[in-house]
C-alpha atoms as a PDB file:
ATOM      1  CA  MET A   1      50.907 -17.365-134.990  1.00  0.00           C
ATOM      2  CA  ALA A   2      53.933 -15.163-134.206  1.00  0.00           C
ATOM      3  CA  LEU A   3      55.243 -17.935-131.971  1.00  0.00           C
ATOM      4  CA  GLN A   4      54.973 -20.349-134.884  1.00  0.00           C
ATOM      5  CA  GLU A   5      57.299 -18.295-137.074  1.00  0.00           C
ATOM      6  CA  LYS A   6      59.923 -18.099-134.304  1.00  0.00           C
ATOM      7  CA  ALA A   7      60.235 -21.903-134.453  1.00  0.00           C
ATOM      8  CA  ALA A   8      61.394 -21.682-138.046  1.00  0.00           C
ATOM      9  CA  ASP A   9      64.090 -19.105-137.192  1.00  0.00           C
ATOM     10  CA  GLN A  10      65.512 -20.721-134.051  1.00  0.00           C
ATOM     11  CA  ARG A  11      68.779 -22.654-134.047  1.00  0.00           C
ATOM     12  CA  VAL A  12      68.072 -26.350-133.665  1.00  0.00           C
ATOM     13  CA  SER A  13      70.856 -28.649-132.537  1.00  0.00           C
ATOM     14  CA  GLN A  14      69.773 -32.257-132.828  1.00  0.00           C
ATOM     15  CA  HIS A  15      73.304 -33.650-132.450  1.00  0.00           C
ATOM     16  CA  ASP A  16      74.898 -34.658-129.136  1.00  0.00           C
ATOM     17  CA  VAL A  17      78.483 -33.401-129.507  1.00  0.00           C
ATOM     18  CA  THR A  18      79.431 -34.270-125.914  1.00  0.00           C
ATOM     19  CA  SER A  19      79.524 -37.973-126.739  1.00  0.00           C
ATOM     20  CA  LEU A  20      81.730 -37.383-129.798  1.00  0.00           C
ATOM     21  CA  ALA A  21      84.747 -35.752-128.129  1.00  0.00           C
ATOM     22  CA  PRO A  22      86.077 -38.943-126.436  1.00  0.00           C
ATOM     23  CA  VAL A  23      86.109 -40.887-129.723  1.00  0.00           C
ATOM     24  CA  ALA A  24      87.865 -38.188-131.760  1.00  0.00           C
ATOM     25  CA  ALA A  25      91.295 -39.832-131.384  1.00  0.00           C
ATOM     26  CA  LEU A  26      89.940 -43.201-132.483  1.00  0.00           C
ATOM     27  CA  LEU A  27      88.317 -41.803-135.591  1.00  0.00           C
ATOM     28  CA  GLY A  28      91.333 -39.866-136.813  1.00  0.00           C
ATOM     29  CA  PHE A  29      89.365 -36.644-137.345  1.00  0.00           C
ATOM     30  CA  ASP A  30      87.450 -34.201-135.202  1.00  0.00           C
ATOM     31  CA  PRO A  31      83.788 -35.288-135.235  1.00  0.00           C
ATOM     32  CA  VAL A  32      82.754 -32.234-133.198  1.00  0.00           C
ATOM     33  CA  GLN A  33      83.908 -29.897-135.975  1.00  0.00           C
ATOM     34  CA  PHE A  34      82.213 -32.130-138.544  1.00  0.00           C
ATOM     35  CA  VAL A  35      78.903 -31.965-136.640  1.00  0.00           C
ATOM     36  CA  LYS A  36      79.187 -28.191-136.194  1.00  0.00           C
ATOM     37  CA  LYS A  37      79.736 -27.804-139.946  1.00  0.00           C
ATOM     38  CA  MET A  38      76.736 -30.059-140.620  1.00  0.00           C
ATOM     39  CA  GLU A  39      74.575 -28.000-138.226  1.00  0.00           C
ATOM     40  CA  THR A  40      75.623 -24.785-139.995  1.00  0.00           C
ATOM     41  CA  GLU A  41      74.594 -26.259-143.356  1.00  0.00           C
ATOM     42  CA  GLU A  42      71.289 -27.456-141.882  1.00  0.00           C
ATOM     43  CA  GLN A  43      70.605 -23.984-140.478  1.00  0.00           C
ATOM     44  CA  GLU A  44      71.269 -22.453-143.903  1.00  0.00           C
ATOM     45  CA  ASP A  45      68.807 -24.930-145.435  1.00  0.00           C
ATOM     46  CA  ARG A  46      66.234 -24.044-142.739  1.00  0.00           C
ATOM     47  CA  ALA A  47      66.544 -20.367-143.653  1.00  0.00           C
ATOM     48  CA  LYS A  48      65.596 -21.167-147.267  1.00  0.00           C
ATOM     49  CA  MET A  49      62.423 -23.043-146.347  1.00  0.00           C
ATOM     50  CA  GLN A  50      58.868 -21.747-146.152  1.00  0.00           C
ATOM     51  CA  LYS A  51      58.030 -19.961-142.924  1.00  0.00           C
ATOM     52  CA  GLY A  52      54.690 -19.941-141.156  1.00  0.00           C
ATOM     53  CA  PHE A  53      51.573 -22.060-141.341  1.00  0.00           C
ATOM     54  CA  ASN A  54      51.330 -24.342-144.406  1.00  0.00           C
ATOM     55  CA  SER A  55      47.598 -24.900-144.957  1.00  0.00           C
ATOM     56  CA  GLU A  56      48.277 -27.312-147.829  1.00  0.00           C
ATOM     57  CA  MET A  57      49.764 -29.821-145.365  1.00  0.00           C
ATOM     58  CA  ARG A  58      46.938 -29.830-142.789  1.00  0.00           C
ATOM     59  CA  SER A  59      45.938 -33.343-143.860  1.00  0.00           C
ATOM     60  CA  GLU A  60      47.902 -36.163-142.237  1.00  0.00           C
ATOM     61  CA  ALA A  61      47.252 -38.337-145.308  1.00  0.00           C
ATOM     62  CA  LYS A  62      48.715 -35.627-147.566  1.00  0.00           C
ATOM     63  CA  ARG A  63      51.753 -35.286-145.284  1.00  0.00           C
ATOM     64  CA  LEU A  64      52.208 -39.051-145.420  1.00  0.00           C
ATOM     65  CA  LYS A  65      52.235 -39.010-149.236  1.00  0.00           C
ATOM     66  CA  THR A  66      55.249 -36.657-149.232  1.00  0.00           C
ATOM     67  CA  PHE A  67      57.397 -39.467-147.795  1.00  0.00           C
ATOM     68  CA  VAL A  68      57.223 -41.585-150.965  1.00  0.00           C
ATOM     69  CA  THR A  69      60.769 -40.479-151.912  1.00  0.00           C
ATOM     70  CA  TYR A  70      62.089 -40.310-148.328  1.00  0.00           C
ATOM     71  CA  ASP A  71      65.188 -42.446-147.572  1.00  0.00           C
ATOM     72  CA  SER A  72      64.192 -45.657-145.838  1.00  0.00           C
ATOM     73  CA  PHE A  73      67.235 -45.747-143.501  1.00  0.00           C
ATOM     74  CA  SER A  74      65.410 -43.403-141.115  1.00  0.00           C
ATOM     75  CA  SER A  75      64.664 -44.691-137.616  1.00  0.00           C
ATOM     76  CA  TRP A  76      61.376 -42.776-137.714  1.00  0.00           C
ATOM     77  CA  THR A  77      58.580 -44.148-139.851  1.00  0.00           C
ATOM     78  CA  PRO A  78      56.708 -41.883-142.270  1.00  0.00           C
ATOM     79  CA  GLN A  79      53.518 -42.642-140.293  1.00  0.00           C
ATOM     80  CA  GLU A  80      55.125 -41.387-137.058  1.00  0.00           C
ATOM     81  CA  MET A  81      56.397 -38.224-138.722  1.00  0.00           C
ATOM     82  CA  ALA A  82      53.097 -37.403-140.460  1.00  0.00           C
ATOM     83  CA  ALA A  83      51.156 -37.984-137.222  1.00  0.00           C
ATOM     84  CA  ALA A  84      53.581 -35.619-135.431  1.00  0.00           C
ATOM     85  CA  GLY A  85      52.704 -32.861-137.950  1.00  0.00           C
ATOM     86  CA  PHE A  86      55.721 -33.285-140.257  1.00  0.00           C
ATOM     87  CA  TYR A  87      55.931 -33.594-144.025  1.00  0.00           C
ATOM     88  CA  PHE A  88      59.018 -34.315-146.147  1.00  0.00           C
ATOM     89  CA  THR A  89      60.470 -31.140-147.660  1.00  0.00           C
ATOM     90  CA  GLY A  90      62.512 -32.890-150.349  1.00  0.00           C
ATOM     91  CA  ILE A  91      65.666 -31.093-149.153  1.00  0.00           C
ATOM     92  CA  LYS A  92      68.149 -33.656-147.840  1.00  0.00           C
ATOM     93  CA  SER A  93      66.322 -35.537-145.074  1.00  0.00           C
ATOM     94  CA  GLY A  94      64.444 -32.442-143.876  1.00  0.00           C
ATOM     95  CA  VAL A  95      60.967 -32.737-142.412  1.00  0.00           C
ATOM     96  CA  GLN A  96      58.897 -29.674-141.507  1.00  0.00           C
ATOM     97  CA  CYS A  97      55.879 -29.092-139.274  1.00  0.00           C
ATOM     98  CA  PHE A  98      52.907 -27.718-141.212  1.00  0.00           C
ATOM     99  CA  CYS A  99      51.929 -25.530-138.266  1.00  0.00           C
ATOM    100  CA  CYS A 100      55.052 -24.081-136.612  1.00  0.00           C
ATOM    101  CA  SER A 101      57.554 -24.553-139.495  1.00  0.00           C
ATOM    102  CA  LEU A 102      60.034 -26.476-137.311  1.00  0.00           C
ATOM    103  CA  VAL A 103      62.526 -28.266-139.559  1.00  0.00           C
ATOM    104  CA  LEU A 104      64.396 -31.374-138.429  1.00  0.00           C
ATOM    105  CA  PHE A 105      67.144 -33.044-140.455  1.00  0.00           C
ATOM    106  CA  CYS A 106      68.012 -36.103-138.447  1.00  0.00           C
ATOM    107  CA  ASN A 107      66.122 -38.350-136.155  1.00  0.00           C
ATOM    108  CA  ALA A 108      66.878 -39.798-132.763  1.00  0.00           C
ATOM    109  CA  LEU A 109      67.079 -43.531-132.314  1.00  0.00           C
ATOM    110  CA  LYS A 110      65.646 -43.405-128.799  1.00  0.00           C
ATOM    111  CA  ARG A 111      62.940 -40.740-129.226  1.00  0.00           C
ATOM    112  CA  LEU A 112      59.844 -40.487-131.380  1.00  0.00           C
ATOM    113  CA  PRO A 113      59.353 -37.522-133.750  1.00  0.00           C
ATOM    114  CA  ILE A 114      56.599 -36.138-131.533  1.00  0.00           C
ATOM    115  CA  GLU A 115      59.117 -35.956-128.649  1.00  0.00           C
ATOM    116  CA  ASP A 116      61.670 -34.004-130.715  1.00  0.00           C
ATOM    117  CA  HIS A 117      58.828 -31.764-131.927  1.00  0.00           C
ATOM    118  CA  LYS A 118      57.885 -31.019-128.294  1.00  0.00           C
ATOM    119  CA  GLU A 119      61.519 -30.396-127.334  1.00  0.00           C
ATOM    120  CA  PHE A 120      62.361 -27.957-130.130  1.00  0.00           C
ATOM    121  CA  SER A 121      58.970 -26.270-130.548  1.00  0.00           C
ATOM    122  CA  PRO A 122      56.995 -26.594-127.295  1.00  0.00           C
ATOM    123  CA  HIS A 123      54.653 -23.722-128.223  1.00  0.00           C
ATOM    124  CA  CYS A 124      53.473 -25.274-131.507  1.00  0.00           C
ATOM    125  CA  GLU A 125      49.702 -24.877-131.589  1.00  0.00           C
ATOM    126  CA  PHE A 126      49.325 -28.297-133.257  1.00  0.00           C
ATOM    127  CA  LEU A 127      51.090 -29.921-130.287  1.00  0.00           C
ATOM    128  CA  LEU A 128      49.060 -27.880-127.800  1.00  0.00           C
ATOM    129  CA  GLY A 129      45.844 -29.248-129.289  1.00  0.00           C
ATOM    130  CA  THR A 130      44.614 -25.930-130.661  1.00  0.00           C
ATOM    131  CA  ASP A 131      42.268 -26.236-133.635  1.00  0.00           C
ATOM    132  CA  VAL A 132      44.685 -25.488-136.456  1.00  0.00           C
ATOM    133  CA  GLY A 133      42.685 -27.407-139.031  1.00  0.00           C
ATOM    134  CA  ASN A 134      44.640 -30.649-138.794  1.00  0.00           C
ATOM    135  CA  ILE A 135      42.851 -33.472-140.557  1.00  0.00           C
ATOM    136  CA  ALA A 136      43.846 -36.717-138.899  1.00  0.00           C
ATOM    137  CA  LYS A 137      44.417 -39.716-141.164  1.00  0.00           C
ATOM    138  CA  TYR A 138      41.188 -41.426-140.142  1.00  0.00           C
ATOM    139  CA  ASP A 139      39.122 -38.286-139.574  1.00  0.00           C
ATOM    140  CA  ILE A 140      35.887 -38.666-141.492  1.00  0.00           C
ATOM    141  CA  ARG A 141      33.884 -35.506-141.992  1.00  0.00           C
ATOM    142  CA  VAL A 142      30.519 -36.569-143.263  1.00  0.00           C
ATOM    143  CA  LYS A 143      27.264 -34.941-142.222  1.00  0.00           C
ATOM    144  CA  ASN A 144      23.675 -35.274-143.282  1.00  0.00           C
ATOM    145  CA  PRO A 145      22.817 -31.887-144.795  1.00  0.00           C
ATOM    146  CA  GLU A 146      19.117 -32.298-143.930  1.00  0.00           C
ATOM    147  CA  SER A 147      19.737 -32.440-140.178  1.00  0.00           C
ATOM    148  CA  GLY A 148      22.877 -30.312-139.987  1.00  0.00           C
ATOM    149  CA  VAL A 149      21.602 -26.762-140.050  1.00  0.00           C
ATOM    150  CA  ARG A 150      20.227 -25.708-136.683  1.00  0.00           C
ATOM    151  CA  GLY A 151      16.783 -24.172-136.740  1.00  0.00           C
ATOM    152  CA  GLY A 152      15.927 -25.474-140.178  1.00  0.00           C
ATOM    153  CA  LYS A 153      16.778 -24.146-143.587  1.00  0.00           C
ATOM    154  CA  ALA A 154      14.118 -21.449-143.682  1.00  0.00           C
ATOM    155  CA  LYS A 155      16.056 -18.940-141.572  1.00  0.00           C
ATOM    156  CA  TYR A 156      19.038 -19.128-143.984  1.00  0.00           C
ATOM    157  CA  GLN A 157      17.125 -18.227-147.129  1.00  0.00           C
ATOM    158  CA  GLU A 158      18.486 -14.675-146.920  1.00  0.00           C
ATOM    159  CA  GLU A 159      22.151 -14.206-147.820  1.00  0.00           C
ATOM    160  CA  LYS A 160      22.743 -11.918-144.819  1.00  0.00           C
ATOM    161  CA  ALA A 161      21.671 -14.693-142.430  1.00  0.00           C
ATOM    162  CA  ARG A 162      24.015 -17.149-144.167  1.00  0.00           C
ATOM    163  CA  LEU A 163      26.920 -14.677-144.017  1.00  0.00           C
ATOM    164  CA  GLU A 164      26.415 -14.215-140.261  1.00  0.00           C
ATOM    165  CA  THR A 165      27.144 -17.936-139.716  1.00  0.00           C
ATOM    166  CA  PHE A 166      30.746 -17.350-140.854  1.00  0.00           C
ATOM    167  CA  GLN A 167      31.733 -15.322-137.750  1.00  0.00           C
ATOM    168  CA  ASP A 168      33.960 -18.165-136.470  1.00  0.00           C
ATOM    169  CA  TRP A 169      35.421 -18.964-139.903  1.00  0.00           C
ATOM    170  CA  PRO A 170      38.865 -20.521-139.162  1.00  0.00           C
ATOM    171  CA  PHE A 171      42.042 -18.610-139.996  1.00  0.00           C
ATOM    172  CA  TYR A 172      43.466 -21.519-141.990  1.00  0.00           C
ATOM    173  CA  ALA A 173      40.647 -21.255-144.547  1.00  0.00           C
ATOM    174  CA  HIS A 174      42.013 -17.901-145.710  1.00  0.00           C
ATOM    175  CA  GLY A 175      41.806 -18.862-149.403  1.00  0.00           C
ATOM    176  CA  THR A 176      38.036 -19.215-149.268  1.00  0.00           C
ATOM    177  CA  SER A 177      35.830 -16.156-148.947  1.00  0.00           C
ATOM    178  CA  PRO A 178      32.840 -16.419-146.575  1.00  0.00           C
ATOM    179  CA  ARG A 179      31.077 -13.759-148.680  1.00  0.00           C
ATOM    180  CA  GLU A 180      31.355 -15.885-151.834  1.00  0.00           C
ATOM    181  CA  LEU A 181      30.255 -19.012-149.989  1.00  0.00           C
ATOM    182  CA  SER A 182      27.189 -17.345-148.480  1.00  0.00           C
ATOM    183  CA  ALA A 183      26.287 -15.876-151.885  1.00  0.00           C
ATOM    184  CA  ALA A 184      26.442 -19.414-153.304  1.00  0.00           C
ATOM    185  CA  GLY A 185      24.019 -20.646-150.631  1.00  0.00           C
ATOM    186  CA  PHE A 186      26.423 -22.052-148.027  1.00  0.00           C
ATOM    187  CA  VAL A 187      26.308 -21.645-144.248  1.00  0.00           C
ATOM    188  CA  PHE A 188      29.076 -22.358-141.753  1.00  0.00           C
ATOM    189  CA  THR A 189      28.465 -24.790-138.900  1.00  0.00           C
ATOM    190  CA  VAL A 190      31.074 -24.517-136.153  1.00  0.00           C
ATOM    191  CA  GLU A 191      30.712 -27.985-134.646  1.00  0.00           C
ATOM    192  CA  PHE A 192      31.770 -29.674-137.882  1.00  0.00           C
ATOM    193  CA  ILE A 193      34.083 -26.930-139.231  1.00  0.00           C
ATOM    194  CA  GLU A 194      32.686 -27.183-142.711  1.00  0.00           C
ATOM    195  CA  ALA A 195      30.413 -25.300-145.023  1.00  0.00           C
ATOM    196  CA  GLN A 196      27.139 -26.802-146.174  1.00  0.00           C
ATOM    197  CA  ARG A 197      24.823 -25.910-148.999  1.00  0.00           C
ATOM    198  CA  VAL A 198      21.247 -25.147-147.875  1.00  0.00           C
END
């Protein structure tokens, strides 16, 4: 996760200033200086934003809901941004990755958000396919509790046996205590990444 926090601190330059220099005379002002000023302001806004993994935005559907107030002039659709791990921060046009904290303020006309995400934060664990707890928009997590617990329910009657099932409890579930869950009668099944009551 240390790599994830570096993404939030890095300088991100989404603007192509090389194409602006030739048109400076036509515009009557220096667009390069304007873009540099804009990038400085964006970097200051990035510094104010939450750093690190945001477990509240693991759900793609929840990320999608944040775009209700997003300006519609964007070339990226809210669906594309949410699928790429981004949610709308509410600060200017800023979108942030729930996993690596990368913040983008503008979007490319020729590239998808997932491509900019890969360019500016190639070590993001979400992009690398690591299990970071992402809940895809159409991910359905339903399981029959009768057939879900391996070896039958009898071996989990003791709280100690239930607690032992939480050895691979995911880091992103830090707000939930395995001890409390096992005391309440739950076991953890790795293949479905969910707790079940026995």
